[in-house]
Amino acid sequence: MMDTRACACGQTAVRDEAARWFVLLQEPAVDVQTHRQFETWLDQHPQHRSEFEWLQGLWKAADLVPAARLQALCQEAPTRNKRRPLLRYAVAASVLAVALGLGLFSGLNHPAPYTAEFSTALNERRHVALPDGSVVDLDSRSRIQVRFEKDRRTVELSEGEAMFSVQPDTRRPFIVEAGNGKVTVTGTRFDVRRGASETRVVVEQGTVKVQGHDAADNDFINLTAGLGTHVDAHGKVAAAYAVNPAELTAWRNGKLVFNNARLADVAEQVSRYRETPLKVGSRAVGDLRLTSVFKSDNTDALLKALPSILPVAVRTLADGSQEIISK
């Protein structure tokens, strides 16, 4: 488990270091070697650049404060130490307070960049808490890459399925990229499954915008609670259709619920819970429909039941995988 106190201390140390560099670079004459050292420090970590740019934005905010008030701030700065850098830093801190009060600068608690990767193994489910308060539940054999920046929150679902409970933030949309599709929200609860040929999106609460990965900004489908869609391999988004989110996200409770599902889709989903993939022998078999409920940790029960439900048989191939064929 991550020690949040250690994280907070680390962030404070970076901010202090950024402040020292900021003050130093305000001096009239800064030699080349100092500039090189500063550039090296900037490149060491994205947070270094983020914190320094924040201070630059703060300093520029001084231009928005009336001259008389800025002069008063200078007079209010500590006078027992007359060194110019310290005076400037005190003024910067005062300017921040004024700018915040005037609503001119909103970066005091601006989020630092954040990157991380999370994945699950076979038959593992994982609950991931993100630094913005959002939560992601990962299904078996799933993987996400998280990138948070000051103006957006991006998560790439590279494989599998995930349920997102997004903390609202109108300044920073939450974008889920999966295959040839992407989902944009400010705060809601929805499920994304990335398959071999399409990406499916289901909304449990709130509203999401679904579009092809390279689509124009005005080319999208809006989904509200109880609606779903899918994005094909070419980035085309299907019209919204009614769904049962509880059924389609039953994997969170260890269940697989199929309601008139194509057998090809069933096989693809079930494969995430097996050591070897489950295949269908032909397109005709894949188009058969299945309605049933099974436990995700006992997919053998599904294979045993299939021949009594549909006109199919299950055979084991040389590589150990199973294939569903017509009787």
Protein backbone atom coordinates (compact mmCIF):
# COMPACT_ATOMS: atom_id res chain seq x y z
CA MET A 1 0.00 0.00 0.00
CA MET A 2 1.32 3.45 -0.90
CA ASP A 3 2.28 5.70 2.02
CA THR A 4 0.33 8.92 1.34
CA ARG A 5 2.41 10.79 3.90
CA ALA A 6 5.55 9.94 1.97
CA CYS A 7 3.91 11.10 -1.26
CA ALA A 8 2.88 14.38 0.34
CA CYS A 9 6.38 14.94 1.71
CA GLY A 10 7.90 14.21 -1.70
CA GLN A 11 5.58 16.65 -3.42
CA THR A 12 6.37 19.35 -0.85
CA ALA A 13 10.11 18.81 -1.38
CA VAL A 14 9.73 19.24 -5.14
CA ARG A 15 7.71 22.41 -4.64
CA ASP A 16 10.38 23.81 -2.32
CA GLU A 17 13.08 23.00 -4.86
CA ALA A 18 11.05 24.58 -7.65
CA ALA A 19 10.70 27.71 -5.52
CA ARG A 20 14.47 27.86 -4.97
CA TRP A 21 15.11 27.62 -8.71
CA PHE A 22 12.44 30.22 -9.40
CA VAL A 23 13.95 32.69 -6.96
CA LEU A 24 17.48 32.07 -8.27
CA LEU A 25 16.48 32.68 -11.87
CA GLN A 26 14.93 36.05 -10.99
CA GLU A 27 18.44 37.44 -10.46
CA PRO A 28 19.68 39.80 -13.20
CA ALA A 29 22.78 37.74 -14.03
CA VAL A 30 22.59 33.94 -14.09
CA ASP A 31 25.55 32.08 -15.60
CA VAL A 32 25.32 29.40 -18.29
CA GLN A 33 26.26 26.57 -15.94
CA THR A 34 23.36 27.44 -13.62
CA HIS A 35 20.98 27.43 -16.56
CA ARG A 36 22.25 24.00 -17.60
CA GLN A 37 21.80 22.65 -14.09
CA PHE A 38 18.28 24.04 -14.07
CA GLU A 39 17.44 22.37 -17.40
CA THR A 40 18.80 19.07 -16.08
CA TRP A 41 16.60 19.37 -13.01
CA LEU A 42 13.54 20.14 -15.17
CA ASP A 43 14.09 16.99 -17.25
CA GLN A 44 14.50 14.69 -14.25
CA HIS A 45 10.75 14.30 -13.66
CA PRO A 46 7.51 15.73 -15.16
CA GLN A 47 6.54 17.05 -11.73
CA HIS A 48 9.61 19.32 -11.68
CA ARG A 49 8.49 21.12 -14.81
CA SER A 50 4.88 21.22 -13.62
CA GLU A 51 5.77 22.86 -10.30
CA PHE A 52 8.08 25.40 -11.94
CA GLU A 53 5.48 26.33 -14.55
CA TRP A 54 2.98 26.78 -11.75
CA LEU A 55 5.28 29.35 -10.10
CA GLN A 56 5.76 31.11 -13.44
CA GLY A 57 1.99 31.35 -13.82
CA LEU A 58 1.78 32.73 -10.31
CA TRP A 59 4.39 35.39 -11.03
CA LYS A 60 2.60 36.43 -14.22
CA ALA A 61 -0.58 36.78 -12.20
CA ALA A 62 1.04 39.80 -10.54
CA ASP A 63 0.25 41.73 -13.71
CA LEU A 64 -3.44 41.29 -12.94
CA VAL A 65 -3.21 42.87 -9.50
CA PRO A 66 -3.67 46.67 -9.24
CA ALA A 67 -0.35 48.48 -8.91
CA ALA A 68 -1.28 50.09 -5.61
CA ARG A 69 -2.14 46.74 -4.07
CA LEU A 70 1.06 45.16 -5.39
CA GLN A 71 3.12 47.97 -3.85
CA ALA A 72 1.36 47.39 -0.54
CA LEU A 73 2.19 43.72 -0.73
CA CYS A 74 5.86 44.55 -1.16
CA GLN A 75 5.71 46.72 1.94
CA GLU A 76 4.01 43.93 3.88
CA ALA A 77 6.75 41.42 3.02
CA PRO A 78 9.21 40.55 5.83
CA THR A 79 11.77 43.31 6.24
CA ARG A 80 14.23 41.76 8.67
CA ASN A 81 16.02 40.03 5.78
CA LYS A 82 16.63 42.46 2.92
CA ARG A 83 17.94 39.98 0.39
CA ARG A 84 16.12 40.54 -2.89
CA PRO A 85 15.24 36.91 -3.67
CA LEU A 86 13.46 36.44 -0.36
CA LEU A 87 11.52 39.64 -0.87
CA ARG A 88 10.44 38.47 -4.29
CA TYR A 89 9.34 35.12 -2.94
CA ALA A 90 7.32 36.82 -0.19
CA VAL A 91 5.67 39.04 -2.80
CA ALA A 92 4.88 36.00 -4.92
CA ALA A 93 3.17 34.32 -1.99
CA SER A 94 1.16 37.47 -1.29
CA VAL A 95 0.25 37.87 -4.93
CA LEU A 96 -1.08 34.33 -4.92
CA ALA A 97 -3.43 35.12 -2.04
CA VAL A 98 -4.74 38.23 -3.78
CA ALA A 99 -5.10 36.49 -7.15
CA LEU A 100 -7.04 33.68 -5.55
CA GLY A 101 -9.31 36.17 -3.82
CA LEU A 102 -10.00 37.92 -7.13
CA GLY A 103 -10.58 34.63 -8.91
CA LEU A 104 -7.71 35.41 -11.29
CA PHE A 105 -5.59 32.36 -10.59
CA SER A 106 -6.87 28.91 -9.73
CA GLY A 107 -3.67 26.91 -9.61
CA LEU A 108 -2.90 26.64 -5.89
CA ASN A 109 -3.99 23.05 -5.71
CA HIS A 110 -3.47 22.24 -9.36
CA PRO A 111 -2.94 18.51 -9.79
CA ALA A 112 0.54 17.24 -10.40
CA PRO A 113 1.10 14.90 -13.38
CA TYR A 114 0.43 11.26 -12.57
CA THR A 115 1.18 8.10 -14.53
CA ALA A 116 0.63 4.48 -13.54
CA GLU A 117 -0.19 1.06 -14.94
CA PHE A 118 -2.48 -1.57 -13.41
CA SER A 119 -3.28 -5.09 -14.56
CA THR A 120 -4.91 -8.30 -13.41
CA ALA A 121 -3.95 -11.94 -13.84
CA LEU A 122 -6.21 -14.86 -14.72
CA ASN A 123 -9.35 -14.86 -12.52
CA GLU A 124 -8.12 -11.85 -10.57
CA ARG A 125 -10.25 -8.75 -9.98
CA ARG A 126 -8.70 -5.52 -8.73
CA HIS A 127 -10.07 -2.35 -7.16
CA VAL A 128 -7.92 0.68 -8.05
CA ALA A 129 -8.26 4.08 -6.35
CA LEU A 130 -6.88 6.93 -8.46
CA PRO A 131 -5.45 10.17 -6.98
CA ASP A 132 -8.43 12.28 -8.14
CA GLY A 133 -10.88 10.16 -6.15
CA SER A 134 -12.03 8.11 -9.14
CA VAL A 135 -12.16 4.31 -8.84
CA VAL A 136 -11.55 1.61 -11.43
CA ASP A 137 -12.55 -2.04 -11.03
CA LEU A 138 -10.57 -4.35 -13.30
CA ASP A 139 -11.85 -7.72 -14.46
CA SER A 140 -9.74 -10.81 -15.16
CA ARG A 141 -6.84 -10.32 -17.58
CA SER A 142 -7.28 -6.58 -17.92
CA ARG A 143 -4.76 -3.77 -18.19
CA ILE A 144 -4.94 0.03 -18.01
CA GLN A 145 -2.42 2.84 -18.36
CA VAL A 146 -3.28 6.03 -16.46
CA ARG A 147 -2.05 9.51 -17.43
CA PHE A 148 -3.27 12.54 -15.50
CA GLU A 149 -2.33 16.03 -16.69
CA LYS A 150 -3.50 19.44 -15.55
CA ASP A 151 -6.21 19.70 -18.23
CA ARG A 152 -7.29 16.07 -18.70
CA ARG A 153 -7.36 12.60 -17.18
CA THR A 154 -6.68 9.78 -19.63
CA VAL A 155 -6.91 6.03 -19.12
CA GLU A 156 -6.07 3.57 -21.88
CA LEU A 157 -7.74 0.17 -21.60
CA SER A 158 -5.30 -1.96 -23.57
CA GLU A 159 -7.11 -5.25 -22.86
CA GLY A 160 -9.99 -6.69 -20.88
CA GLU A 161 -12.81 -4.90 -19.09
CA ALA A 162 -13.08 -2.17 -16.48
CA MET A 163 -15.79 -0.40 -14.51
CA PHE A 164 -15.12 3.32 -13.99
CA SER A 165 -16.56 5.44 -11.18
CA VAL A 166 -15.34 8.91 -12.12
CA GLN A 167 -14.98 11.80 -9.69
CA PRO A 168 -16.58 14.91 -11.27
CA ASP A 169 -14.19 17.62 -12.46
CA THR A 170 -15.49 19.97 -15.16
CA ARG A 171 -12.00 21.42 -15.68
CA ARG A 172 -10.45 18.02 -16.43
CA PRO A 173 -12.50 15.60 -18.53
CA PHE A 174 -11.91 11.90 -17.93
CA ILE A 175 -11.13 10.09 -21.19
CA VAL A 176 -11.03 6.32 -21.63
CA GLU A 177 -9.30 5.14 -24.79
CA ALA A 178 -9.97 1.56 -25.91
CA GLY A 179 -9.10 0.26 -29.35
CA ASN A 180 -10.62 2.52 -32.00
CA GLY A 181 -12.99 4.22 -29.56
CA LYS A 182 -12.86 6.69 -26.74
CA VAL A 183 -15.26 7.70 -23.97
CA THR A 184 -15.28 11.22 -22.50
CA VAL A 185 -16.93 12.17 -19.20
CA THR A 186 -16.64 14.66 -16.36
CA GLY A 187 -18.18 12.39 -13.73
CA THR A 188 -20.22 9.21 -14.03
CA ARG A 189 -20.21 5.41 -13.70
CA PHE A 190 -19.74 3.22 -16.75
CA ASP A 191 -18.23 -0.03 -18.02
CA VAL A 192 -15.87 -0.51 -20.98
CA ARG A 193 -15.00 -3.88 -22.50
CA ARG A 194 -12.29 -4.09 -25.14
CA GLY A 195 -12.78 -7.10 -27.40
CA ALA A 196 -10.85 -8.44 -30.36
CA SER A 197 -13.04 -6.68 -32.95
CA GLU A 198 -15.01 -4.04 -31.04
CA THR A 199 -15.22 -1.99 -27.86
CA ARG A 200 -18.46 -2.01 -25.86
CA VAL A 201 -19.58 0.80 -23.53
CA VAL A 202 -22.39 0.55 -20.95
CA VAL A 203 -23.54 3.40 -18.71
CA GLU A 204 -24.85 2.73 -15.21
CA GLN A 205 -25.07 6.34 -14.04
CA GLY A 206 -24.58 9.78 -15.58
CA THR A 207 -23.77 10.63 -19.18
CA VAL A 208 -20.84 9.75 -21.43
CA LYS A 209 -19.77 10.76 -24.93
CA VAL A 210 -18.60 7.89 -27.15
CA GLN A 211 -16.77 8.45 -30.43
CA GLY A 212 -14.26 6.88 -32.77
CA HIS A 213 -10.67 7.50 -31.74
CA ASP A 214 -9.99 9.84 -34.68
CA ALA A 215 -13.50 11.27 -35.02
CA ALA A 216 -14.24 14.99 -35.20
CA ASP A 217 -15.28 16.68 -31.94
CA ASN A 218 -18.90 16.92 -33.10
CA ASP A 219 -19.09 13.27 -34.21
CA PHE A 220 -20.19 11.30 -31.16
CA ILE A 221 -22.99 9.34 -29.49
CA ASN A 222 -24.34 10.41 -26.08
CA LEU A 223 -25.19 7.64 -23.62
CA THR A 224 -27.20 8.02 -20.43
CA ALA A 225 -27.98 5.47 -17.70
CA GLY A 226 -29.28 2.19 -19.09
CA LEU A 227 -27.87 2.72 -22.58
CA GLY A 228 -24.94 1.13 -24.36
CA THR A 229 -23.11 1.14 -27.68
CA HIS A 230 -20.12 -0.41 -29.37
CA VAL A 231 -17.30 0.86 -31.56
CA ASP A 232 -16.15 -1.39 -34.40
CA ALA A 233 -12.63 -1.95 -35.71
CA HIS A 234 -13.01 1.03 -38.09
CA GLY A 235 -14.01 3.46 -35.35
CA LYS A 236 -17.70 3.51 -36.26
CA VAL A 237 -19.99 3.99 -33.25
CA ALA A 238 -23.34 2.17 -33.23
CA ALA A 239 -26.55 3.98 -32.33
CA ALA A 240 -27.38 3.85 -28.62
CA TYR A 241 -29.44 0.87 -27.47
CA ALA A 242 -31.07 -0.18 -24.21
CA VAL A 243 -29.04 -2.47 -21.92
CA ASN A 244 -29.21 -3.96 -18.46
CA PRO A 245 -26.07 -2.63 -16.74
CA ALA A 246 -26.49 -5.00 -13.77
CA GLU A 247 -26.32 -8.02 -16.08
CA LEU A 248 -23.44 -6.75 -18.18
CA THR A 249 -21.34 -5.82 -15.13
CA ALA A 250 -22.18 -8.92 -13.07
CA TRP A 251 -18.52 -9.94 -13.42
CA ARG A 252 -17.85 -7.68 -10.43
CA ASN A 253 -19.72 -10.27 -8.35
CA GLY A 254 -18.06 -13.24 -10.01
CA LYS A 255 -20.92 -13.99 -12.40
CA LEU A 256 -21.25 -14.19 -16.17
CA VAL A 257 -24.76 -13.28 -17.30
CA PHE A 258 -25.65 -13.95 -20.94
CA ASN A 259 -28.98 -12.72 -22.27
CA ASN A 260 -29.52 -13.75 -25.90
CA ALA A 261 -25.79 -13.32 -26.46
CA ARG A 262 -24.02 -14.52 -29.59
CA LEU A 263 -22.01 -17.65 -28.85
CA ALA A 264 -18.95 -16.06 -30.49
CA ASP A 265 -19.16 -13.19 -27.98
CA VAL A 266 -19.68 -15.66 -25.15
CA ALA A 267 -16.56 -17.58 -26.18
CA GLU A 268 -14.48 -14.38 -26.33
CA GLN A 269 -15.57 -13.26 -22.88
CA VAL A 270 -15.20 -16.70 -21.29
CA SER A 271 -11.65 -16.95 -22.67
CA ARG A 272 -10.56 -14.25 -20.21
CA TYR A 273 -11.29 -16.69 -17.39
CA ARG A 274 -9.51 -19.74 -18.83
CA GLU A 275 -5.88 -20.75 -19.22
CA THR A 276 -6.46 -21.49 -22.92
CA PRO A 277 -8.91 -19.73 -25.26
CA LEU A 278 -12.38 -20.97 -26.07
CA LYS A 279 -13.08 -20.95 -29.82
CA VAL A 280 -16.07 -21.43 -32.09
CA GLY A 281 -15.72 -23.82 -35.02
CA SER A 282 -17.73 -21.85 -37.58
CA ARG A 283 -19.62 -18.63 -38.13
CA ALA A 284 -22.92 -20.50 -37.91
CA VAL A 285 -21.99 -21.80 -34.47
CA GLY A 286 -20.82 -18.33 -33.41
CA ASP A 287 -24.20 -16.86 -34.37
CA LEU A 288 -26.13 -19.18 -32.05
CA ARG A 289 -27.69 -17.39 -29.06
CA LEU A 290 -27.23 -18.22 -25.39
CA THR A 291 -29.20 -17.13 -22.31
CA SER A 292 -27.83 -18.38 -19.00
CA VAL A 293 -25.83 -17.51 -15.87
CA PHE A 294 -22.50 -19.04 -14.81
CA LYS A 295 -19.76 -18.41 -12.26
CA SER A 296 -16.68 -16.77 -13.75
CA ASP A 297 -14.38 -19.02 -11.70
CA ASN A 298 -16.00 -22.20 -13.00
CA THR A 299 -16.23 -21.91 -16.78
CA ASP A 300 -15.92 -25.70 -17.08
CA ALA A 301 -19.54 -25.82 -15.92
CA LEU A 302 -20.51 -23.71 -18.92
CA LEU A 303 -18.74 -26.08 -21.31
CA LYS A 304 -20.48 -29.08 -19.76
CA ALA A 305 -23.89 -27.39 -19.98
CA LEU A 306 -23.63 -26.06 -23.54
CA PRO A 307 -24.48 -29.33 -25.36
CA SER A 308 -27.71 -29.60 -23.36
CA ILE A 309 -28.69 -26.01 -24.15
CA LEU A 310 -27.65 -25.65 -27.80
CA PRO A 311 -27.04 -28.08 -30.70
CA VAL A 312 -23.28 -28.03 -30.17
CA ALA A 313 -20.44 -30.16 -28.87
CA VAL A 314 -17.15 -29.14 -27.22
CA ARG A 315 -13.88 -30.72 -28.26
CA THR A 316 -10.34 -30.30 -26.98
CA LEU A 317 -7.69 -29.36 -29.54
CA ALA A 318 -4.03 -30.41 -29.63
CA ASP A 319 -2.86 -27.20 -27.93
CA GLY A 320 -5.21 -27.80 -24.98
CA SER A 321 -7.78 -25.19 -26.00
CA GLN A 322 -11.47 -25.99 -26.46
CA GLU A 323 -13.59 -25.47 -29.55
CA ILE A 324 -17.37 -25.35 -29.82
CA ILE A 325 -18.58 -27.16 -32.91
CA SER A 326 -21.94 -28.09 -34.40
CA LYS A 327 -23.38 -31.49 -33.45
